[in-house]
All heavy atoms as atom14 arrays in JSON, in Angstrom:
{
  "sequence": "KEEDAVQFLELNKQLDDTGYMLYDPGERQMNVEEQHKAIAQM",
  "atom14_mask": [
    [1, 1, 1, 1, 1, 1, 1, 1, 1, 0, 0, 0, 0, 0],
    [1, 1, 1, 1, 1, 1, 1, 1, 1, 0, 0, 0, 0, 0],
    [1, 1, 1, 1, 1, 1, 1, 1, 1, 0, 0, 0, 0, 0],
    [1, 1, 1, 1, 1, 1, 1, 1, 0, 0, 0, 0, 0, 0],
    [1, 1, 1, 1, 1, 0, 0, 0, 0, 0, 0, 0, 0, 0],
    [1, 1, 1, 1, 1, 1, 1, 0, 0, 0, 0, 0, 0, 0],
    [1, 1, 1, 1, 1, 1, 1, 1, 1, 0, 0, 0, 0, 0],
    [1, 1, 1, 1, 1, 1, 1, 1, 1, 1, 1, 0, 0, 0],
    [1, 1, 1, 1, 1, 1, 1, 1, 0, 0, 0, 0, 0, 0],
    [1, 1, 1, 1, 1, 1, 1, 1, 1, 0, 0, 0, 0, 0],
    [1, 1, 1, 1, 1, 1, 1, 1, 0, 0, 0, 0, 0, 0],
    [1, 1, 1, 1, 1, 1, 1, 1, 0, 0, 0, 0, 0, 0],
    [1, 1, 1, 1, 1, 1, 1, 1, 1, 0, 0, 0, 0, 0],
    [1, 1, 1, 1, 1, 1, 1, 1, 1, 0, 0, 0, 0, 0],
    [1, 1, 1, 1, 1, 1, 1, 1, 0, 0, 0, 0, 0, 0],
    [1, 1, 1, 1, 1, 1, 1, 1, 0, 0, 0, 0, 0, 0],
    [1, 1, 1, 1, 1, 1, 1, 1, 0, 0, 0, 0, 0, 0],
    [1, 1, 1, 1, 1, 1, 1, 0, 0, 0, 0, 0, 0, 0],
    [1, 1, 1, 1, 0, 0, 0, 0, 0, 0, 0, 0, 0, 0],
    [1, 1, 1, 1, 1, 1, 1, 1, 1, 1, 1, 1, 0, 0],
    [1, 1, 1, 1, 1, 1, 1, 1, 0, 0, 0, 0, 0, 0],
    [1, 1, 1, 1, 1, 1, 1, 1, 0, 0, 0, 0, 0, 0],
    [1, 1, 1, 1, 1, 1, 1, 1, 1, 1, 1, 1, 0, 0],
    [1, 1, 1, 1, 1, 1, 1, 1, 0, 0, 0, 0, 0, 0],
    [1, 1, 1, 1, 1, 1, 1, 0, 0, 0, 0, 0, 0, 0],
    [1, 1, 1, 1, 0, 0, 0, 0, 0, 0, 0, 0, 0, 0],
    [1, 1, 1, 1, 1, 1, 1, 1, 1, 0, 0, 0, 0, 0],
    [1, 1, 1, 1, 1, 1, 1, 1, 1, 1, 1, 0, 0, 0],
    [1, 1, 1, 1, 1, 1, 1, 1, 1, 0, 0, 0, 0, 0],
    [1, 1, 1, 1, 1, 1, 1, 1, 0, 0, 0, 0, 0, 0],
    [1, 1, 1, 1, 1, 1, 1, 1, 0, 0, 0, 0, 0, 0],
    [1, 1, 1, 1, 1, 1, 1, 0, 0, 0, 0, 0, 0, 0],
    [1, 1, 1, 1, 1, 1, 1, 1, 1, 0, 0, 0, 0, 0],
    [1, 1, 1, 1, 1, 1, 1, 1, 1, 0, 0, 0, 0, 0],
    [1, 1, 1, 1, 1, 1, 1, 1, 1, 0, 0, 0, 0, 0],
    [1, 1, 1, 1, 1, 1, 1, 1, 1, 1, 0, 0, 0, 0],
    [1, 1, 1, 1, 1, 1, 1, 1, 1, 0, 0, 0, 0, 0],
    [1, 1, 1, 1, 1, 0, 0, 0, 0, 0, 0, 0, 0, 0],
    [1, 1, 1, 1, 1, 1, 1, 1, 0, 0, 0, 0, 0, 0],
    [1, 1, 1, 1, 1, 0, 0, 0, 0, 0, 0, 0, 0, 0],
    [1, 1, 1, 1, 1, 1, 1, 1, 1, 0, 0, 0, 0, 0],
    [1, 1, 1, 1, 1, 1, 1, 1, 0, 0, 0, 0, 0, 0]
  ],
  "atom14_positions": [
    [[20.3, -2.75, -26.74], [21.26, -1.98, -27.51], [22.62, -2.0, -26.81], [22.69, -2.16, -25.6], [20.79, -0.54, -27.65], [19.47, -0.38, -28.33], [19.02, 1.05, -28.31], [17.61, 1.17, -28.86], [17.08, 2.5, -28.67], [0.0, 0.0, 0.0], [0.0, 0.0, 0.0], [0.0, 0.0, 0.0], [0.0, 0.0, 0.0], [0.0, 0.0, 0.0]],
    [[23.67, -1.81, -27.58], [25.01, -1.78, -27.0], [25.15, -0.64, -25.99], [25.91, -0.75, -25.03], [26.05, -1.67, -28.11], [26.09, -2.94, -28.97], [26.86, -2.76, -30.25], [27.9, -2.09, -30.24], [26.4, -3.32, -31.27], [0.0, 0.0, 0.0], [0.0, 0.0, 0.0], [0.0, 0.0, 0.0], [0.0, 0.0, 0.0], [0.0, 0.0, 0.0]],
    [[24.38, 0.42, -26.19], [24.42, 1.56, -25.26], [23.86, 1.2, -23.88], [24.04, 1.93, -22.91], [23.62, 2.75, -25.81], [24.08, 3.24, -27.16], [23.47, 2.47, -28.32], [22.24, 2.26, -28.35], [24.22, 2.05, -29.21], [0.0, 0.0, 0.0], [0.0, 0.0, 0.0], [0.0, 0.0, 0.0], [0.0, 0.0, 0.0], [0.0, 0.0, 0.0]],
    [[23.16, 0.06, -23.8], [22.57, -0.38, -22.54], [23.56, -1.13, -21.65], [23.19, -1.59, -20.57], [21.38, -1.3, -22.82], [20.26, -0.6, -23.57], [20.1, 0.62, -23.39], [19.54, -1.28, -24.33], [0.0, 0.0, 0.0], [0.0, 0.0, 0.0], [0.0, 0.0, 0.0], [0.0, 0.0, 0.0], [0.0, 0.0, 0.0], [0.0, 0.0, 0.0]],
    [[24.81, -1.25, -22.06], [25.79, -2.07, -21.35], [25.94, -1.66, -19.89], [25.97, -2.52, -19.0], [27.14, -2.02, -22.06], [0.0, 0.0, 0.0], [0.0, 0.0, 0.0], [0.0, 0.0, 0.0], [0.0, 0.0, 0.0], [0.0, 0.0, 0.0], [0.0, 0.0, 0.0], [0.0, 0.0, 0.0], [0.0, 0.0, 0.0], [0.0, 0.0, 0.0]],
    [[26.04, -0.37, -19.6], [26.25, 0.09, -18.23], [25.06, -0.3, -17.35], [25.23, -0.89, -16.28], [26.48, 1.62, -18.18], [26.52, 2.12, -16.75], [27.76, 1.99, -18.9], [0.0, 0.0, 0.0], [0.0, 0.0, 0.0], [0.0, 0.0, 0.0], [0.0, 0.0, 0.0], [0.0, 0.0, 0.0], [0.0, 0.0, 0.0], [0.0, 0.0, 0.0]],
    [[23.86, -0.02, -17.82], [22.67, -0.31, -17.04], [22.46, -1.82, -16.88], [22.07, -2.28, -15.81], [21.43, 0.33, -17.69], [21.42, 1.82, -17.64], [22.15, 2.46, -18.83], [22.7, 1.77, -19.67], [22.16, 3.77, -18.86], [0.0, 0.0, 0.0], [0.0, 0.0, 0.0], [0.0, 0.0, 0.0], [0.0, 0.0, 0.0], [0.0, 0.0, 0.0]],
    [[22.73, -2.58, -17.93], [22.54, -4.02, -17.88], [23.54, -4.66, -16.91], [23.18, -5.55, -16.14], [22.67, -4.62, -19.27], [22.34, -6.08, -19.33], [21.05, -6.52, -19.09], [23.3, -7.02, -19.65], [20.73, -7.88, -19.14], [23.0, -8.37, -19.7], [21.7, -8.8, -19.45], [0.0, 0.0, 0.0], [0.0, 0.0, 0.0], [0.0, 0.0, 0.0]],
    [[24.77, -4.2, -16.95], [25.79, -4.71, -16.03], [25.41, -4.39, -14.59], [25.52, -5.24, -13.7], [27.16, -4.14, -16.38], [28.34, -4.66, -15.59], [28.47, -6.17, -15.7], [29.62, -3.99, -16.05], [0.0, 0.0, 0.0], [0.0, 0.0, 0.0], [0.0, 0.0, 0.0], [0.0, 0.0, 0.0], [0.0, 0.0, 0.0], [0.0, 0.0, 0.0]],
    [[24.94, -3.2, -14.35], [24.52, -2.8, -12.99], [23.34, -3.66, -12.53], [23.3, -4.1, -11.38], [24.16, -1.32, -12.95], [23.78, -0.83, -11.58], [24.85, -1.01, -10.53], [26.05, -0.91, -10.84], [24.47, -1.26, -9.36], [0.0, 0.0, 0.0], [0.0, 0.0, 0.0], [0.0, 0.0, 0.0], [0.0, 0.0, 0.0], [0.0, 0.0, 0.0]],
    [[22.4, -3.91, -13.42], [21.26, -4.76, -13.08], [21.73, -6.16, -12.7], [21.29, -6.73, -11.7], [20.27, -4.84, -14.24], [19.13, -5.83, -14.08], [18.23, -5.46, -12.9], [18.34, -5.94, -15.37], [0.0, 0.0, 0.0], [0.0, 0.0, 0.0], [0.0, 0.0, 0.0], [0.0, 0.0, 0.0], [0.0, 0.0, 0.0], [0.0, 0.0, 0.0]],
    [[22.64, -6.72, -13.49], [23.15, -8.05, -13.19], [23.85, -8.08, -11.84], [23.7, -9.03, -11.07], [24.11, -8.53, -14.28], [23.37, -9.03, -15.49], [22.36, -9.7, -15.37], [23.87, -8.7, -16.65], [0.0, 0.0, 0.0], [0.0, 0.0, 0.0], [0.0, 0.0, 0.0], [0.0, 0.0, 0.0], [0.0, 0.0, 0.0], [0.0, 0.0, 0.0]],
    [[24.62, -7.05, -11.52], [25.31, -7.0, -10.23], [24.3, -6.89, -9.09], [24.49, -7.5, -8.03], [26.31, -5.86, -10.21], [27.52, -6.14, -11.09], [28.54, -5.02, -11.04], [29.75, -5.38, -11.89], [30.79, -4.36, -11.83], [0.0, 0.0, 0.0], [0.0, 0.0, 0.0], [0.0, 0.0, 0.0], [0.0, 0.0, 0.0], [0.0, 0.0, 0.0]],
    [[23.23, -6.13, -9.29], [22.19, -6.03, -8.26], [21.51, -7.38, -8.06], [21.22, -7.77, -6.93], [21.17, -4.96, -8.63], [21.7, -3.56, -8.52], [20.68, -2.53, -9.0], [19.55, -2.84, -9.34], [21.11, -1.27, -9.04], [0.0, 0.0, 0.0], [0.0, 0.0, 0.0], [0.0, 0.0, 0.0], [0.0, 0.0, 0.0], [0.0, 0.0, 0.0]],
    [[21.26, -8.09, -9.15], [20.66, -9.42, -9.05], [21.6, -10.39, -8.34], [21.15, -11.23, -7.55], [20.29, -9.95, -10.43], [19.13, -9.24, -11.12], [18.99, -9.7, -12.55], [17.84, -9.45, -10.35], [0.0, 0.0, 0.0], [0.0, 0.0, 0.0], [0.0, 0.0, 0.0], [0.0, 0.0, 0.0], [0.0, 0.0, 0.0], [0.0, 0.0, 0.0]],
    [[22.89, -10.28, -8.61], [23.88, -11.13, -7.93], [23.81, -10.92, -6.42], [23.96, -11.88, -5.64], [25.3, -10.82, -8.4], [25.54, -11.2, -9.85], [24.75, -11.99, -10.41], [26.53, -10.69, -10.42], [0.0, 0.0, 0.0], [0.0, 0.0, 0.0], [0.0, 0.0, 0.0], [0.0, 0.0, 0.0], [0.0, 0.0, 0.0], [0.0, 0.0, 0.0]],
    [[23.56, -9.71, -6.01], [23.5, -9.38, -4.58], [22.32, -10.04, -3.87], [22.3, -10.13, -2.65], [23.45, -7.87, -4.36], [24.77, -7.18, -4.69], [25.8, -7.88, -4.75], [24.76, -5.95, -4.88], [0.0, 0.0, 0.0], [0.0, 0.0, 0.0], [0.0, 0.0, 0.0], [0.0, 0.0, 0.0], [0.0, 0.0, 0.0], [0.0, 0.0, 0.0]],
    [[21.33, -10.52, -4.64], [20.18, -11.16, -4.01], [20.5, -12.55, -3.49], [19.79, -13.07, -2.64], [18.99, -11.28, -4.99], [19.33, -12.21, -6.03], [18.6, -9.93, -5.57], [0.0, 0.0, 0.0], [0.0, 0.0, 0.0], [0.0, 0.0, 0.0], [0.0, 0.0, 0.0], [0.0, 0.0, 0.0], [0.0, 0.0, 0.0], [0.0, 0.0, 0.0]],
    [[21.54, -13.17, -4.03], [21.89, -14.52, -3.61], [21.13, -15.6, -4.36], [21.34, -16.78, -4.12], [0.0, 0.0, 0.0], [0.0, 0.0, 0.0], [0.0, 0.0, 0.0], [0.0, 0.0, 0.0], [0.0, 0.0, 0.0], [0.0, 0.0, 0.0], [0.0, 0.0, 0.0], [0.0, 0.0, 0.0], [0.0, 0.0, 0.0], [0.0, 0.0, 0.0]],
    [[20.26, -15.22, -5.29], [19.47, -16.18, -6.05], [20.01, -16.41, -7.46], [19.37, -17.11, -8.24], [18.01, -15.72, -6.15], [17.3, -15.71, -4.82], [17.02, -14.51, -4.18], [16.94, -16.89, -4.21], [16.37, -14.51, -2.96], [16.29, -16.9, -2.98], [16.02, -15.69, -2.37], [15.38, -15.69, -1.17], [0.0, 0.0, 0.0], [0.0, 0.0, 0.0]],
    [[21.12, -15.86, -7.77], [21.65, -15.95, -9.13], [22.89, -16.84, -9.16], [23.37, -17.33, -8.14], [21.98, -14.55, -9.66], [20.78, -13.6, -9.69], [19.38, -14.21, -10.63], [19.99, -14.05, -12.27], [0.0, 0.0, 0.0], [0.0, 0.0, 0.0], [0.0, 0.0, 0.0], [0.0, 0.0, 0.0], [0.0, 0.0, 0.0], [0.0, 0.0, 0.0]],
    [[23.43, -17.03, -10.36], [24.6, -17.88, -10.57], [25.83, -17.35, -9.83], [26.6, -18.11, -9.25], [24.9, -17.98, -12.07], [26.1, -18.81, -12.5], [25.91, -20.28, -12.1], [26.31, -18.7, -14.0], [0.0, 0.0, 0.0], [0.0, 0.0, 0.0], [0.0, 0.0, 0.0], [0.0, 0.0, 0.0], [0.0, 0.0, 0.0], [0.0, 0.0, 0.0]],
    [[26.0, -16.03, -9.83], [27.16, -15.42, -9.19], [26.82, -14.95, -7.79], [25.71, -14.49, -7.53], [27.66, -14.21, -10.0], [28.24, -14.58, -11.34], [27.51, -14.42, -12.5], [29.54, -15.07, -11.45], [28.05, -14.74, -13.74], [30.09, -15.4, -12.67], [29.33, -15.24, -13.81], [29.87, -15.56, -15.02], [0.0, 0.0, 0.0], [0.0, 0.0, 0.0]],
    [[27.78, -15.04, -6.91], [27.64, -14.49, -5.56], [27.99, -13.0, -5.6], [28.64, -12.54, -6.55], [28.58, -15.2, -4.59], [28.1, -16.61, -4.27], [26.88, -16.83, -4.22], [28.96, -17.49, -4.07], [0.0, 0.0, 0.0], [0.0, 0.0, 0.0], [0.0, 0.0, 0.0], [0.0, 0.0, 0.0], [0.0, 0.0, 0.0], [0.0, 0.0, 0.0]],
    [[27.58, -12.24, -4.6], [27.91, -10.81, -4.58], [29.42, -10.58, -4.74], [30.24, -11.23, -4.09], [27.45, -10.37, -3.2], [26.34, -11.31, -2.86], [26.77, -12.64, -3.45], [0.0, 0.0, 0.0], [0.0, 0.0, 0.0], [0.0, 0.0, 0.0], [0.0, 0.0, 0.0], [0.0, 0.0, 0.0], [0.0, 0.0, 0.0], [0.0, 0.0, 0.0]],
    [[29.77, -9.7, -5.69], [31.17, -9.35, -5.93], [31.93, -10.33, -6.8], [33.09, -10.11, -7.13], [0.0, 0.0, 0.0], [0.0, 0.0, 0.0], [0.0, 0.0, 0.0], [0.0, 0.0, 0.0], [0.0, 0.0, 0.0], [0.0, 0.0, 0.0], [0.0, 0.0, 0.0], [0.0, 0.0, 0.0], [0.0, 0.0, 0.0], [0.0, 0.0, 0.0]],
    [[31.3, -11.42, -7.18], [31.98, -12.45, -7.96], [32.04, -12.13, -9.46], [32.95, -12.55, -10.16], [31.3, -13.79, -7.74], [32.04, -14.97, -8.31], [31.36, -16.29, -7.99], [30.29, -16.3, -7.35], [31.9, -17.31, -8.4], [0.0, 0.0, 0.0], [0.0, 0.0, 0.0], [0.0, 0.0, 0.0], [0.0, 0.0, 0.0], [0.0, 0.0, 0.0]],
    [[31.08, -11.39, -9.96], [31.03, -11.07, -11.41], [32.19, -10.15, -11.74], [32.34, -9.08, -11.19], [29.7, -10.39, -11.74], [29.47, -10.2, -13.23], [28.13, -9.57, -13.51], [27.03, -10.38, -13.07], [26.42, -11.31, -13.82], [26.82, -11.51, -15.04], [25.42, -12.02, -13.33], [0.0, 0.0, 0.0], [0.0, 0.0, 0.0], [0.0, 0.0, 0.0]],
    [[33.01, -10.56, -12.69], [34.21, -9.82, -13.05], [34.08, -9.01, -14.35], [35.01, -8.32, -14.74], [35.4, -10.78, -13.18], [35.74, -11.5, -11.88], [36.13, -10.54, -10.78], [36.96, -9.65, -10.98], [35.53, -10.7, -9.62], [0.0, 0.0, 0.0], [0.0, 0.0, 0.0], [0.0, 0.0, 0.0], [0.0, 0.0, 0.0], [0.0, 0.0, 0.0]],
    [[32.95, -9.09, -15.0], [32.76, -8.4, -16.28], [32.76, -6.9, -16.06], [32.16, -6.39, -15.12], [31.44, -8.84, -16.92], [31.22, -8.24, -18.3], [29.76, -8.89, -19.13], [30.36, -10.47, -19.69], [0.0, 0.0, 0.0], [0.0, 0.0, 0.0], [0.0, 0.0, 0.0], [0.0, 0.0, 0.0], [0.0, 0.0, 0.0], [0.0, 0.0, 0.0]],
    [[33.43, -6.18, -16.96], [33.4, -4.73, -16.9], [32.53, -4.2, -18.03], [32.0, -4.96, -18.83], [34.83, -4.14, -16.95], [35.55, -4.47, -18.24], [34.97, -4.53, -19.3], [36.85, -4.7, -18.13], [0.0, 0.0, 0.0], [0.0, 0.0, 0.0], [0.0, 0.0, 0.0], [0.0, 0.0, 0.0], [0.0, 0.0, 0.0], [0.0, 0.0, 0.0]],
    [[32.37, -2.89, -18.09], [31.46, -2.28, -19.07], [31.9, -2.59, -20.5], [31.07, -2.92, -21.36], [31.35, -0.76, -18.85], [30.53, -0.1, -19.94], [30.75, -0.47, -17.49], [0.0, 0.0, 0.0], [0.0, 0.0, 0.0], [0.0, 0.0, 0.0], [0.0, 0.0, 0.0], [0.0, 0.0, 0.0], [0.0, 0.0, 0.0], [0.0, 0.0, 0.0]],
    [[33.18, -2.52, -20.78], [33.66, -2.8, -22.14], [33.35, -4.24, -22.54], [32.91, -4.51, -23.65], [35.17, -2.54, -22.23], [35.72, -2.76, -23.63], [37.2, -2.45, -23.72], [37.68, -1.55, -23.01], [37.88, -3.13, -24.51], [0.0, 0.0, 0.0], [0.0, 0.0, 0.0], [0.0, 0.0, 0.0], [0.0, 0.0, 0.0], [0.0, 0.0, 0.0]],
    [[33.56, -5.18, -21.63], [33.26, -6.58, -21.91], [31.76, -6.78, -22.11], [31.35, -7.56, -22.98], [33.78, -7.47, -20.78], [35.28, -7.52, -20.7], [35.79, -8.15, -19.42], [35.08, -8.1, -18.38], [36.91, -8.7, -19.44], [0.0, 0.0, 0.0], [0.0, 0.0, 0.0], [0.0, 0.0, 0.0], [0.0, 0.0, 0.0], [0.0, 0.0, 0.0]],
    [[30.94, -6.1, -21.32], [29.49, -6.21, -21.47], [29.05, -5.64, -22.82], [28.2, -6.21, -23.49], [28.77, -5.48, -20.34], [27.26, -5.64, -20.37], [26.84, -7.07, -20.11], [26.99, -7.55, -19.0], [26.3, -7.74, -21.1], [0.0, 0.0, 0.0], [0.0, 0.0, 0.0], [0.0, 0.0, 0.0], [0.0, 0.0, 0.0], [0.0, 0.0, 0.0]],
    [[29.65, -4.54, -23.22], [29.37, -3.93, -24.51], [29.67, -4.93, -25.63], [28.85, -5.12, -26.55], [30.21, -2.65, -24.67], [29.88, -1.85, -25.87], [30.43, -2.11, -27.1], [29.06, -0.79, -26.03], [29.97, -1.24, -27.97], [29.13, -0.43, -27.35], [0.0, 0.0, 0.0], [0.0, 0.0, 0.0], [0.0, 0.0, 0.0], [0.0, 0.0, 0.0]],
    [[30.81, -5.58, -25.56], [31.2, -6.57, -26.57], [30.25, -7.76, -26.56], [29.9, -8.28, -27.62], [32.64, -7.04, -26.33], [33.68, -6.0, -26.68], [35.08, -6.53, -26.39], [36.12, -5.46, -26.66], [37.48, -5.94, -26.33], [0.0, 0.0, 0.0], [0.0, 0.0, 0.0], [0.0, 0.0, 0.0], [0.0, 0.0, 0.0], [0.0, 0.0, 0.0]],
    [[29.84, -8.2, -25.38], [28.93, -9.34, -25.28], [27.58, -9.02, -25.94], [27.01, -9.86, -26.63], [28.73, -9.73, -23.82], [0.0, 0.0, 0.0], [0.0, 0.0, 0.0], [0.0, 0.0, 0.0], [0.0, 0.0, 0.0], [0.0, 0.0, 0.0], [0.0, 0.0, 0.0], [0.0, 0.0, 0.0], [0.0, 0.0, 0.0], [0.0, 0.0, 0.0]],
    [[27.09, -7.82, -25.74], [25.83, -7.4, -26.37], [26.0, -7.37, -27.88], [25.14, -7.85, -28.62], [25.36, -6.04, -25.82], [24.97, -6.17, -24.35], [24.18, -5.5, -26.65], [24.7, -4.85, -23.66], [0.0, 0.0, 0.0], [0.0, 0.0, 0.0], [0.0, 0.0, 0.0], [0.0, 0.0, 0.0], [0.0, 0.0, 0.0], [0.0, 0.0, 0.0]],
    [[27.11, -6.83, -28.35], [27.36, -6.76, -29.79], [27.44, -8.17, -30.38], [26.9, -8.42, -31.47], [28.66, -6.01, -30.06], [0.0, 0.0, 0.0], [0.0, 0.0, 0.0], [0.0, 0.0, 0.0], [0.0, 0.0, 0.0], [0.0, 0.0, 0.0], [0.0, 0.0, 0.0], [0.0, 0.0, 0.0], [0.0, 0.0, 0.0], [0.0, 0.0, 0.0]],
    [[28.06, -9.11, -29.67], [28.15, -10.48, -30.16], [26.78, -11.15, -30.2], [26.47, -11.87, -31.15], [29.1, -11.3, -29.28], [30.55, -10.93, -29.47], [31.47, -11.65, -28.49], [31.03, -12.19, -27.48], [32.76, -11.62, -28.79], [0.0, 0.0, 0.0], [0.0, 0.0, 0.0], [0.0, 0.0, 0.0], [0.0, 0.0, 0.0], [0.0, 0.0, 0.0]],
    [[25.96, -10.89, -29.18], [24.6, -11.47, -29.18], [23.8, -10.93, -30.36], [23.05, -11.67, -30.99], [23.88, -11.15, -27.88], [24.35, -11.97, -26.71], [23.34, -11.75, -25.23], [23.91, -10.16, -24.65], [0.0, 0.0, 0.0], [0.0, 0.0, 0.0], [0.0, 0.0, 0.0], [0.0, 0.0, 0.0], [0.0, 0.0, 0.0], [0.0, 0.0, 0.0]]
  ]
}
């Protein structure tokens, strides 16, 4: 749901911190509003 944007973004950032994902720690620039829009587009 679009309401999940905050939690989903936080999860992605936590995954980035593992070093096993596409982005390195701190590299993801998406904010909550952009994540909300991305969910709506999907």
